[in-house]
């Protein structure tokens, strides 16, 4: 029996990378699938009147006033008013005020 038979063989860095690459690829696929599902589920494309009232704590009259004065762009489907989330975000960013104390 050789003294080399009892020695532990360490894998090379290349061999380890070859083992881990498929795992990394699969994890990246899972991550991108989860992030795309999260975007679709968590962010609606449109708000309704009740959404605006709850999120921004504003009244029906304020919403009507903002629509009539052009502050709040909207789409009307029958009796339902829809407000695009991207447009609301844009309005919020345009009206951002930073106070330096």
PDB file of N, CA and C in Angstrom:
ATOM      1  N   UNK A   1       0.835  -1.177   0.000  1.00  0.00           N
ATOM      2  CA  UNK A   1       0.000   0.000   0.000  1.00  0.00           C
ATOM      3  C   UNK A   1       0.883   1.245   0.000  1.00  0.00           C
ATOM      4  N   UNK A   2       0.546   2.173  -0.885  1.00  0.00           N
ATOM      5  CA  UNK A   2       1.301   3.425  -0.982  1.00  0.00           C
ATOM      6  C   UNK A   2       0.893   4.391   0.113  1.00  0.00           C
ATOM      7  N   UNK A   3       1.794   5.256   0.482  1.00  0.00           N
ATOM      8  CA  UNK A   3       1.453   6.295   1.447  1.00  0.00           C
ATOM      9  C   UNK A   3       0.554   7.354   0.808  1.00  0.00           C
ATOM     10  N   UNK A   4       0.506   7.380  -0.532  1.00  0.00           N
ATOM     11  CA  UNK A   4      -0.326   8.347  -1.251  1.00  0.00           C
ATOM     12  C   UNK A   4      -1.797   7.939  -1.269  1.00  0.00           C
ATOM     13  N   UNK A   5      -2.101   6.676  -1.027  1.00  0.00           N
ATOM     14  CA  UNK A   5      -3.480   6.197  -1.061  1.00  0.00           C
ATOM     15  C   UNK A   5      -4.321   6.813   0.052  1.00  0.00           C
ATOM     16  N   UNK A   6      -3.734   7.178   1.149  1.00  0.00           N
ATOM     17  CA  UNK A   6      -4.461   7.723   2.287  1.00  0.00           C
ATOM     18  C   UNK A   6      -4.560   9.250   2.250  1.00  0.00           C
ATOM     19  N   UNK A   7      -3.947   9.883   1.269  1.00  0.00           N
ATOM     20  CA  UNK A   7      -3.982  11.342   1.191  1.00  0.00           C
ATOM     21  C   UNK A   7      -5.323  11.821   0.651  1.00  0.00           C
ATOM     22  N   UNK A   8      -5.734  12.956   1.114  1.00  0.00           N
ATOM     23  CA  UNK A   8      -6.986  13.571   0.661  1.00  0.00           C
ATOM     24  C   UNK A   8      -6.695  14.384  -0.591  1.00  0.00           C
ATOM     25  N   UNK A   9      -7.520  14.200  -1.601  1.00  0.00           N
ATOM     26  CA  UNK A   9      -7.382  14.959  -2.847  1.00  0.00           C
ATOM     27  C   UNK A   9      -8.265  16.205  -2.761  1.00  0.00           C
ATOM     28  N   UNK A  10      -7.671  17.368  -2.887  1.00  0.00           N
ATOM     29  CA  UNK A  10      -8.409  18.620  -2.881  1.00  0.00           C
ATOM     30  C   UNK A  10      -8.841  18.958  -4.298  1.00  0.00           C
ATOM     31  N   UNK A  11     -10.103  19.356  -4.468  1.00  0.00           N
ATOM     32  CA  UNK A  11     -10.549  19.721  -5.814  1.00  0.00           C
ATOM     33  C   UNK A  11      -9.916  21.043  -6.241  1.00  0.00           C
ATOM     34  N   UNK A  12      -9.778  21.198  -7.536  1.00  0.00           N
ATOM     35  CA  UNK A  12      -9.209  22.437  -8.052  1.00  0.00           C
ATOM     36  C   UNK A  12     -10.284  23.523  -8.068  1.00  0.00           C
ATOM     37  N   UNK A  13      -9.841  24.749  -8.180  1.00  0.00           N
ATOM     38  CA  UNK A  13     -10.765  25.877  -8.251  1.00  0.00           C
ATOM     39  C   UNK A  13     -11.665  25.732  -9.477  1.00  0.00           C
ATOM     40  N   UNK A  14     -11.110  25.267 -10.567  1.00  0.00           N
ATOM     41  CA  UNK A  14     -11.879  25.078 -11.795  1.00  0.00           C
ATOM     42  C   UNK A  14     -12.980  24.038 -11.597  1.00  0.00           C
ATOM     43  N   UNK A  15     -12.668  22.978 -10.906  1.00  0.00           N
ATOM     44  CA  UNK A  15     -13.664  21.935 -10.649  1.00  0.00           C
ATOM     45  C   UNK A  15     -14.799  22.465  -9.765  1.00  0.00           C
ATOM     46  N   UNK A  16     -14.453  23.262  -8.783  1.00  0.00           N
ATOM     47  CA  UNK A  16     -15.470  23.856  -7.903  1.00  0.00           C
ATOM     48  C   UNK A  16     -16.348  24.814  -8.696  1.00  0.00           C
ATOM     49  N   UNK A  17     -15.737  25.639  -9.543  1.00  0.00           N
ATOM     50  CA  UNK A  17     -16.508  26.567 -10.370  1.00  0.00           C
ATOM     51  C   UNK A  17     -17.461  25.811 -11.289  1.00  0.00           C
ATOM     52  N   UNK A  18     -16.993  24.722 -11.869  1.00  0.00           N
ATOM     53  CA  UNK A  18     -17.846  23.915 -12.747  1.00  0.00           C
ATOM     54  C   UNK A  18     -19.048  23.344 -11.994  1.00  0.00           C
ATOM     55  N   UNK A  19     -18.867  23.023 -10.737  1.00  0.00           N
ATOM     56  CA  UNK A  19     -19.976  22.524  -9.926  1.00  0.00           C
ATOM     57  C   UNK A  19     -20.952  23.635  -9.543  1.00  0.00           C
ATOM     58  N   UNK A  20     -20.424  24.823  -9.273  1.00  0.00           N
ATOM     59  CA  UNK A  20     -21.262  25.922  -8.787  1.00  0.00           C
ATOM     60  C   UNK A  20     -21.956  26.711  -9.899  1.00  0.00           C
ATOM     61  N   UNK A  21     -21.387  26.757 -11.099  1.00  0.00           N
ATOM     62  CA  UNK A  21     -21.981  27.550 -12.177  1.00  0.00           C
ATOM     63  C   UNK A  21     -23.446  27.218 -12.459  1.00  0.00           C
ATOM     64  N   UNK A  22     -23.827  25.951 -12.588  1.00  0.00           N
ATOM     65  CA  UNK A  22     -25.256  25.664 -12.816  1.00  0.00           C
ATOM     66  C   UNK A  22     -26.149  26.130 -11.669  1.00  0.00           C
ATOM     67  N   UNK A  23     -25.629  26.066 -10.459  1.00  0.00           N
ATOM     68  CA  UNK A  23     -26.406  26.526  -9.299  1.00  0.00           C
ATOM     69  C   UNK A  23     -26.598  28.033  -9.379  1.00  0.00           C
ATOM     70  N   UNK A  24     -25.544  28.785  -9.693  1.00  0.00           N
ATOM     71  CA  UNK A  24     -25.653  30.232  -9.829  1.00  0.00           C
ATOM     72  C   UNK A  24     -26.628  30.614 -10.937  1.00  0.00           C
ATOM     73  N   UNK A  25     -26.562  29.927 -12.053  1.00  0.00           N
ATOM     74  CA  UNK A  25     -27.461  30.218 -13.160  1.00  0.00           C
ATOM     75  C   UNK A  25     -28.913  29.990 -12.760  1.00  0.00           C
ATOM     76  N   UNK A  26     -29.168  28.895 -12.083  1.00  0.00           N
ATOM     77  CA  UNK A  26     -30.538  28.592 -11.655  1.00  0.00           C
ATOM     78  C   UNK A  26     -31.022  29.609 -10.628  1.00  0.00           C
ATOM     79  N   UNK A  27     -30.172  30.012  -9.702  1.00  0.00           N
ATOM     80  CA  UNK A  27     -30.546  31.032  -8.716  1.00  0.00           C
ATOM     81  C   UNK A  27     -30.866  32.360  -9.387  1.00  0.00           C
ATOM     82  N   UNK A  28     -30.100  32.734 -10.415  1.00  0.00           N
ATOM     83  CA  UNK A  28     -30.386  33.966 -11.152  1.00  0.00           C
ATOM     84  C   UNK A  28     -31.734  33.884 -11.862  1.00  0.00           C
ATOM     85  N   UNK A  29     -32.046  32.728 -12.438  1.00  0.00           N
ATOM     86  CA  UNK A  29     -33.346  32.548 -13.087  1.00  0.00           C
ATOM     87  C   UNK A  29     -34.481  32.692 -12.080  1.00  0.00           C
ATOM     88  N   UNK A  30     -34.333  32.055 -10.942  1.00  0.00           N
ATOM     89  CA  UNK A  30     -35.358  32.133  -9.893  1.00  0.00           C
ATOM     90  C   UNK A  30     -35.516  33.569  -9.410  1.00  0.00           C
ATOM     91  N   UNK A  31     -34.400  34.251  -9.217  1.00  0.00           N
ATOM     92  CA  UNK A  31     -34.435  35.636  -8.752  1.00  0.00           C
ATOM     93  C   UNK A  31     -35.157  36.540  -9.741  1.00  0.00           C
ATOM     94  N   UNK A  32     -34.870  36.397 -11.025  1.00  0.00           N
ATOM     95  CA  UNK A  32     -35.531  37.249 -12.024  1.00  0.00           C
ATOM     96  C   UNK A  32     -37.016  36.917 -12.121  1.00  0.00           C
ATOM     97  N   UNK A  33     -37.378  35.644 -11.988  1.00  0.00           N
ATOM     98  CA  UNK A  33     -38.798  35.273 -12.006  1.00  0.00           C
ATOM     99  C   UNK A  33     -39.528  35.861 -10.808  1.00  0.00           C
ATOM    100  N   UNK A  34     -38.913  35.798  -9.642  1.00  0.00           N
ATOM    101  CA  UNK A  34     -39.538  36.351  -8.443  1.00  0.00           C
ATOM    102  C   UNK A  34     -39.695  37.859  -8.528  1.00  0.00           C
ATOM    103  N   UNK A  35     -38.684  38.548  -9.039  1.00  0.00           N
ATOM    104  CA  UNK A  35     -38.780  40.006  -9.124  1.00  0.00           C
ATOM    105  C   UNK A  35     -39.834  40.422 -10.144  1.00  0.00           C
ATOM    106  N   UNK A  36     -39.973  39.702 -11.246  1.00  0.00           N
ATOM    107  CA  UNK A  36     -41.006  40.064 -12.220  1.00  0.00           C
ATOM    108  C   UNK A  36     -42.388  39.751 -11.669  1.00  0.00           C
ATOM    109  N   UNK A  37     -42.542  38.673 -10.924  1.00  0.00           N
ATOM    110  CA  UNK A  37     -43.826  38.364 -10.300  1.00  0.00           C
ATOM    111  C   UNK A  37     -44.167  39.396  -9.240  1.00  0.00           C
ATOM    112  N   UNK A  38     -43.179  39.824  -8.492  1.00  0.00           N
ATOM    113  CA  UNK A  38     -43.395  40.814  -7.445  1.00  0.00           C
ATOM    114  C   UNK A  38     -43.871  42.129  -8.042  1.00  0.00           C
ATOM    115  N   UNK A  39     -43.269  42.552  -9.148  1.00  0.00           N
ATOM    116  CA  UNK A  39     -43.673  43.790  -9.803  1.00  0.00           C
ATOM    117  C   UNK A  39     -45.110  43.713 -10.268  1.00  0.00           C
ATOM    118  N   UNK A  40     -45.499  42.585 -10.819  1.00  0.00           N
ATOM    119  CA  UNK A  40     -46.849  42.444 -11.335  1.00  0.00           C
ATOM    120  C   UNK A  40     -47.886  42.381 -10.222  1.00  0.00           C
ATOM    121  N   UNK A  41     -47.537  41.786  -9.106  1.00  0.00           N
ATOM    122  CA  UNK A  41     -48.507  41.605  -8.039  1.00  0.00           C
ATOM    123  C   UNK A  41     -48.618  42.815  -7.118  1.00  0.00           C
ATOM    124  N   UNK A  42     -47.530  43.494  -6.858  1.00  0.00           N
ATOM    125  CA  UNK A  42     -47.545  44.528  -5.833  1.00  0.00           C
ATOM    126  C   UNK A  42     -47.903  45.916  -6.347  1.00  0.00           C
ATOM    127  N   UNK A  43     -47.674  46.182  -7.600  1.00  0.00           N
ATOM    128  CA  UNK A  43     -47.942  47.533  -8.060  1.00  0.00           C
ATOM    129  C   UNK A  43     -49.044  47.553  -9.115  1.00  0.00           C
ATOM    130  N   UNK A  44     -50.187  48.093  -8.737  1.00  0.00           N
ATOM    131  CA  UNK A  44     -51.255  48.229  -9.731  1.00  0.00           C
ATOM    132  C   UNK A  44     -50.868  49.282 -10.755  1.00  0.00           C
ATOM    133  N   UNK A  45     -51.416  49.172 -11.935  1.00  0.00           N
ATOM    134  CA  UNK A  45     -51.107  50.153 -12.962  1.00  0.00           C
ATOM    135  C   UNK A  45     -51.959  51.401 -12.799  1.00  0.00           C
ATOM    136  N   UNK A  46     -53.108  51.252 -12.150  1.00  0.00           N
ATOM    137  CA  UNK A  46     -54.014  52.382 -11.959  1.00  0.00           C
ATOM    138  C   UNK A  46     -54.533  52.413 -10.529  1.00  0.00           C
ATOM    139  N   UNK A  47     -54.747  53.637 -10.052  1.00  0.00           N
ATOM    140  CA  UNK A  47     -55.446  53.841  -8.789  1.00  0.00           C
ATOM    141  C   UNK A  47     -56.893  54.188  -9.099  1.00  0.00           C
ATOM    142  N   UNK A  48     -57.753  53.924  -8.135  1.00  0.00           N
ATOM    143  CA  UNK A  48     -59.130  54.371  -8.209  1.00  0.00           C
ATOM    144  C   UNK A  48     -59.322  55.436  -7.139  1.00  0.00           C
ATOM    145  N   UNK A  49     -60.505  56.062  -7.117  1.00  0.00           N
ATOM    146  CA  UNK A  49     -60.754  57.129  -6.141  1.00  0.00           C
ATOM    147  C   UNK A  49     -60.475  56.669  -4.714  1.00  0.00           C
ATOM    148  N   UNK A  50     -60.973  55.495  -4.348  1.00  0.00           N
ATOM    149  CA  UNK A  50     -60.762  55.004  -2.977  1.00  0.00           C
ATOM    150  C   UNK A  50     -59.286  54.798  -2.656  1.00  0.00           C
ATOM    151  N   UNK A  51     -58.524  54.382  -3.656  1.00  0.00           N
ATOM    152  CA  UNK A  51     -57.079  54.228  -3.439  1.00  0.00           C
ATOM    153  C   UNK A  51     -56.448  55.570  -3.098  1.00  0.00           C
ATOM    154  N   UNK A  52     -56.785  56.597  -3.866  1.00  0.00           N
ATOM    155  CA  UNK A  52     -56.219  57.933  -3.610  1.00  0.00           C
ATOM    156  C   UNK A  52     -56.636  58.454  -2.243  1.00  0.00           C
ATOM    157  N   UNK A  53     -57.891  58.214  -1.879  1.00  0.00           N
ATOM    158  CA  UNK A  53     -58.373  58.673  -0.571  1.00  0.00           C
ATOM    159  C   UNK A  53     -57.613  57.988   0.559  1.00  0.00           C
ATOM    160  N   UNK A  54     -57.382  56.696   0.437  1.00  0.00           N
ATOM    161  CA  UNK A  54     -56.701  55.954   1.495  1.00  0.00           C
ATOM    162  C   UNK A  54     -55.205  56.262   1.550  1.00  0.00           C
ATOM    163  N   UNK A  55     -54.554  56.277   0.382  1.00  0.00           N
ATOM    164  CA  UNK A  55     -53.101  56.463   0.353  1.00  0.00           C
ATOM    165  C   UNK A  55     -52.708  57.876   0.757  1.00  0.00           C
ATOM    166  N   UNK A  56     -53.431  58.871   0.211  1.00  0.00           N
ATOM    167  CA  UNK A  56     -53.030  60.264   0.414  1.00  0.00           C
ATOM    168  C   UNK A  56     -53.911  61.006   1.411  1.00  0.00           C
ATOM    169  N   UNK A  57     -54.907  60.316   1.949  1.00  0.00           N
ATOM    170  CA  UNK A  57     -55.812  60.914   2.938  1.00  0.00           C
ATOM    171  C   UNK A  57     -56.438  62.219   2.418  1.00  0.00           C
ATOM    172  N   UNK A  58     -56.995  62.134   1.214  1.00  0.00           N
ATOM    173  CA  UNK A  58     -57.680  63.288   0.633  1.00  0.00           C
ATOM    174  C   UNK A  58     -59.146  62.955   0.413  1.00  0.00           C
ATOM    175  N   UNK A  59     -59.970  63.982   0.332  1.00  0.00           N
ATOM    176  CA  UNK A  59     -61.417  63.792   0.218  1.00  0.00           C
ATOM    177  C   UNK A  59     -61.844  63.652  -1.238  1.00  0.00           C
ATOM    178  N   UNK A  60     -63.094  63.225  -1.417  1.00  0.00           N
ATOM    179  CA  UNK A  60     -63.668  63.161  -2.764  1.00  0.00           C
ATOM    180  C   UNK A  60     -63.650  64.526  -3.434  1.00  0.00           C
ATOM    181  N   UNK A  61     -63.994  65.566  -2.661  1.00  0.00           N
ATOM    182  CA  UNK A  61     -64.022  66.921  -3.221  1.00  0.00           C
ATOM    183  C   UNK A  61     -62.650  67.361  -3.725  1.00  0.00           C
ATOM    184  N   UNK A  62     -61.624  67.009  -3.007  1.00  0.00           N
ATOM    185  CA  UNK A  62     -60.264  67.361  -3.426  1.00  0.00           C
ATOM    186  C   UNK A  62     -59.899  66.627  -4.704  1.00  0.00           C
ATOM    187  N   UNK A  63     -60.255  65.363  -4.790  1.00  0.00           N
ATOM    188  CA  UNK A  63     -59.983  64.594  -6.008  1.00  0.00           C
ATOM    189  C   UNK A  63     -60.708  65.213  -7.196  1.00  0.00           C
ATOM    190  N   UNK A  64     -61.973  65.568  -7.003  1.00  0.00           N
ATOM    191  CA  UNK A  64     -62.759  66.199  -8.086  1.00  0.00           C
ATOM    192  C   UNK A  64     -62.118  67.516  -8.491  1.00  0.00           C
ATOM    193  N   UNK A  65     -61.725  68.329  -7.509  1.00  0.00           N
ATOM    194  CA  UNK A  65     -61.099  69.622  -7.802  1.00  0.00           C
ATOM    195  C   UNK A  65     -59.800  69.434  -8.585  1.00  0.00           C
ATOM    196  N   UNK A  66     -58.980  68.487  -8.179  1.00  0.00           N
ATOM    197  CA  UNK A  66     -57.724  68.220  -8.883  1.00  0.00           C
ATOM    198  C   UNK A  66     -57.971  67.729 -10.309  1.00  0.00           C
ATOM    199  N   UNK A  67     -59.002  66.910 -10.509  1.00  0.00           N
ATOM    200  CA  UNK A  67     -59.340  66.462 -11.863  1.00  0.00           C
ATOM    201  C   UNK A  67     -59.794  67.631 -12.720  1.00  0.00           C
ATOM    202  N   UNK A  68     -60.691  68.454 -12.192  1.00  0.00           N
ATOM    203  CA  UNK A  68     -61.268  69.571 -12.952  1.00  0.00           C
ATOM    204  C   UNK A  68     -60.241  70.648 -13.281  1.00  0.00           C
ATOM    205  N   UNK A  69     -59.259  70.830 -12.423  1.00  0.00           N
ATOM    206  CA  UNK A  69     -58.248  71.864 -12.672  1.00  0.00           C
ATOM    207  C   UNK A  69     -57.059  71.336 -13.466  1.00  0.00           C
ATOM    208  N   UNK A  70     -57.061  70.031 -13.785  1.00  0.00           N
ATOM    209  CA  UNK A  70     -55.993  69.469 -14.591  1.00  0.00           C
ATOM    210  C   UNK A  70     -54.770  69.029 -13.804  1.00  0.00           C
ATOM    211  N   UNK A  71     -54.843  69.130 -12.510  1.00  0.00           N
ATOM    212  CA  UNK A  71     -53.719  68.697 -11.678  1.00  0.00           C
ATOM    213  C   UNK A  71     -53.589  67.184 -11.717  1.00  0.00           C
ATOM    214  N   UNK A  72     -54.718  66.509 -11.763  1.00  0.00           N
ATOM    215  CA  UNK A  72     -54.763  65.062 -11.674  1.00  0.00           C
ATOM    216  C   UNK A  72     -55.248  64.468 -13.003  1.00  0.00           C
ATOM    217  N   UNK A  73     -54.329  63.943 -13.815  1.00  0.00           N
ATOM    218  CA  UNK A  73     -54.753  63.319 -15.072  1.00  0.00           C
ATOM    219  C   UNK A  73     -55.496  62.013 -14.784  1.00  0.00           C
ATOM    220  N   UNK A  74     -56.486  61.710 -15.604  1.00  0.00           N
ATOM    221  CA  UNK A  74     -57.307  60.534 -15.344  1.00  0.00           C
ATOM    222  C   UNK A  74     -57.833  59.919 -16.630  1.00  0.00           C
ATOM    223  N   UNK A  75     -58.333  58.711 -16.485  1.00  0.00           N
ATOM    224  CA  UNK A  75     -59.043  58.019 -17.545  1.00  0.00           C
ATOM    225  C   UNK A  75     -60.393  57.653 -16.965  1.00  0.00           C
ATOM    226  N   UNK A  76     -61.437  57.832 -17.766  1.00  0.00           N
ATOM    227  CA  UNK A  76     -62.778  57.512 -17.280  1.00  0.00           C
ATOM    228  C   UNK A  76     -63.332  56.339 -18.071  1.00  0.00           C
ATOM    229  N   UNK A  77     -63.780  55.334 -17.340  1.00  0.00           N
ATOM    230  CA  UNK A  77     -64.435  54.181 -17.954  1.00  0.00           C
ATOM    231  C   UNK A  77     -65.814  54.056 -17.317  1.00  0.00           C
ATOM    232  N   UNK A  78     -66.839  54.503 -18.045  1.00  0.00           N
ATOM    233  CA  UNK A  78     -68.176  54.529 -17.459  1.00  0.00           C
ATOM    234  C   UNK A  78     -68.201  55.532 -16.331  1.00  0.00           C
ATOM    235  N   UNK A  79     -68.549  55.057 -15.145  1.00  0.00           N
ATOM    236  CA  UNK A  79     -68.577  55.931 -13.961  1.00  0.00           C
ATOM    237  C   UNK A  79     -67.317  55.809 -13.113  1.00  0.00           C
ATOM    238  N   UNK A  80     -66.335  55.080 -13.614  1.00  0.00           N
ATOM    239  CA  UNK A  80     -65.122  54.824 -12.839  1.00  0.00           C
ATOM    240  C   UNK A  80     -63.978  55.697 -13.343  1.00  0.00           C
ATOM    241  N   UNK A  81     -63.334  56.394 -12.421  1.00  0.00           N
ATOM    242  CA  UNK A  81     -62.160  57.197 -12.740  1.00  0.00           C
ATOM    243  C   UNK A  81     -60.916  56.396 -12.376  1.00  0.00           C
ATOM    244  N   UNK A  82     -59.967  56.372 -13.308  1.00  0.00           N
ATOM    245  CA  UNK A  82     -58.712  55.661 -13.096  1.00  0.00           C
ATOM    246  C   UNK A  82     -57.555  56.643 -13.205  1.00  0.00           C
ATOM    247  N   UNK A  83     -56.586  56.486 -12.332  1.00  0.00           N
ATOM    248  CA  UNK A  83     -55.433  57.369 -12.272  1.00  0.00           C
ATOM    249  C   UNK A  83     -54.184  56.523 -12.416  1.00  0.00           C
ATOM    250  N   UNK A  84     -53.406  56.771 -13.442  1.00  0.00           N
ATOM    251  CA  UNK A  84     -52.230  55.957 -13.697  1.00  0.00           C
ATOM    252  C   UNK A  84     -51.183  56.166 -12.600  1.00  0.00           C
ATOM    253  N   UNK A  85     -50.676  55.065 -12.070  1.00  0.00           N
ATOM    254  CA  UNK A  85     -49.702  55.104 -10.973  1.00  0.00           C
ATOM    255  C   UNK A  85     -48.466  55.895 -11.384  1.00  0.00           C
ATOM    256  N   UNK A  86     -47.978  55.675 -12.601  1.00  0.00           N
ATOM    257  CA  UNK A  86     -46.774  56.392 -13.066  1.00  0.00           C
ATOM    258  C   UNK A  86     -47.006  57.897 -13.080  1.00  0.00           C
ATOM    259  N   UNK A  87     -48.205  58.324 -13.468  1.00  0.00           N
ATOM    260  CA  UNK A  87     -48.506  59.756 -13.502  1.00  0.00           C
ATOM    261  C   UNK A  87     -48.562  60.345 -12.093  1.00  0.00           C
ATOM    262  N   UNK A  88     -49.140  59.610 -11.167  1.00  0.00           N
ATOM    263  CA  UNK A  88     -49.198  60.079  -9.776  1.00  0.00           C
ATOM    264  C   UNK A  88     -47.786  60.189  -9.213  1.00  0.00           C
ATOM    265  N   UNK A  89     -46.952  59.185  -9.482  1.00  0.00           N
ATOM    266  CA  UNK A  89     -45.558  59.236  -9.026  1.00  0.00           C
ATOM    267  C   UNK A  89     -44.828  60.429  -9.626  1.00  0.00           C
ATOM    268  N   UNK A  90     -45.094  60.706 -10.894  1.00  0.00           N
ATOM    269  CA  UNK A  90     -44.461  61.844 -11.562  1.00  0.00           C
ATOM    270  C   UNK A  90     -44.887  63.163 -10.906  1.00  0.00           C
ATOM    271  N   UNK A  91     -46.170  63.294 -10.595  1.00  0.00           N
ATOM    272  CA  UNK A  91     -46.673  64.506  -9.931  1.00  0.00           C
ATOM    273  C   UNK A  91     -46.005  64.672  -8.571  1.00  0.00           C
ATOM    274  N   UNK A  92     -45.880  63.575  -7.841  1.00  0.00           N
ATOM    275  CA  UNK A  92     -45.242  63.648  -6.517  1.00  0.00           C
ATOM    276  C   UNK A  92     -43.787  64.091  -6.623  1.00  0.00           C
ATOM    277  N   UNK A  93     -43.076  63.561  -7.607  1.00  0.00           N
ATOM    278  CA  UNK A  93     -41.676  63.950  -7.787  1.00  0.00           C
ATOM    279  C   UNK A  93     -41.542  65.407  -8.215  1.00  0.00           C
ATOM    280  N   UNK A  94     -42.448  65.865  -9.069  1.00  0.00           N
ATOM    281  CA  UNK A  94     -42.393  67.257  -9.540  1.00  0.00           C
ATOM    282  C   UNK A  94     -42.667  68.240  -8.396  1.00  0.00           C
ATOM    283  N   UNK A  95     -43.461  67.825  -7.427  1.00  0.00           N
ATOM    284  CA  UNK A  95     -43.831  68.713  -6.328  1.00  0.00           C
ATOM    285  C   UNK A  95     -43.028  68.489  -5.069  1.00  0.00           C
ATOM    286  N   UNK A  96     -41.960  67.725  -5.183  1.00  0.00           N
ATOM    287  CA  UNK A  96     -41.109  67.455  -4.032  1.00  0.00           C
ATOM    288  C   UNK A  96     -40.412  68.738  -3.595  1.00  0.00           C
ATOM    289  N   UNK A  97     -40.477  69.003  -2.319  1.00  0.00           N
ATOM    290  CA  UNK A  97     -39.835  70.194  -1.751  1.00  0.00           C
ATOM    291  C   UNK A  97     -38.891  69.726  -0.649  1.00  0.00           C
ATOM    292  N   UNK A  98     -37.641  70.111  -0.805  1.00  0.00           N
ATOM    293  CA  UNK A  98     -36.644  69.763   0.204  1.00  0.00           C
ATOM    294  C   UNK A  98     -36.381  71.008   1.038  1.00  0.00           C
ATOM    295  N   UNK A  99     -36.536  70.867   2.306  1.00  0.00           N
ATOM    296  CA  UNK A  99     -36.318  71.997   3.227  1.00  0.00           C
ATOM    297  C   UNK A  99     -34.949  71.805   3.877  1.00  0.00           C
ATOM    298  N   UNK A 100     -34.092  72.774   3.685  1.00  0.00           N
ATOM    299  CA  UNK A 100     -32.775  72.747   4.323  1.00  0.00           C
ATOM    300  C   UNK A 100     -32.836  73.549   5.593  1.00  0.00           C
ATOM    301  N   UNK A 101     -32.605  72.899   6.689  1.00  0.00           N
ATOM    302  CA  UNK A 101     -32.644  73.605   7.987  1.00  0.00           C
ATOM    303  C   UNK A 101     -31.268  73.922   8.466  1.00  0.00           C
TER     304      UNK A 101
END
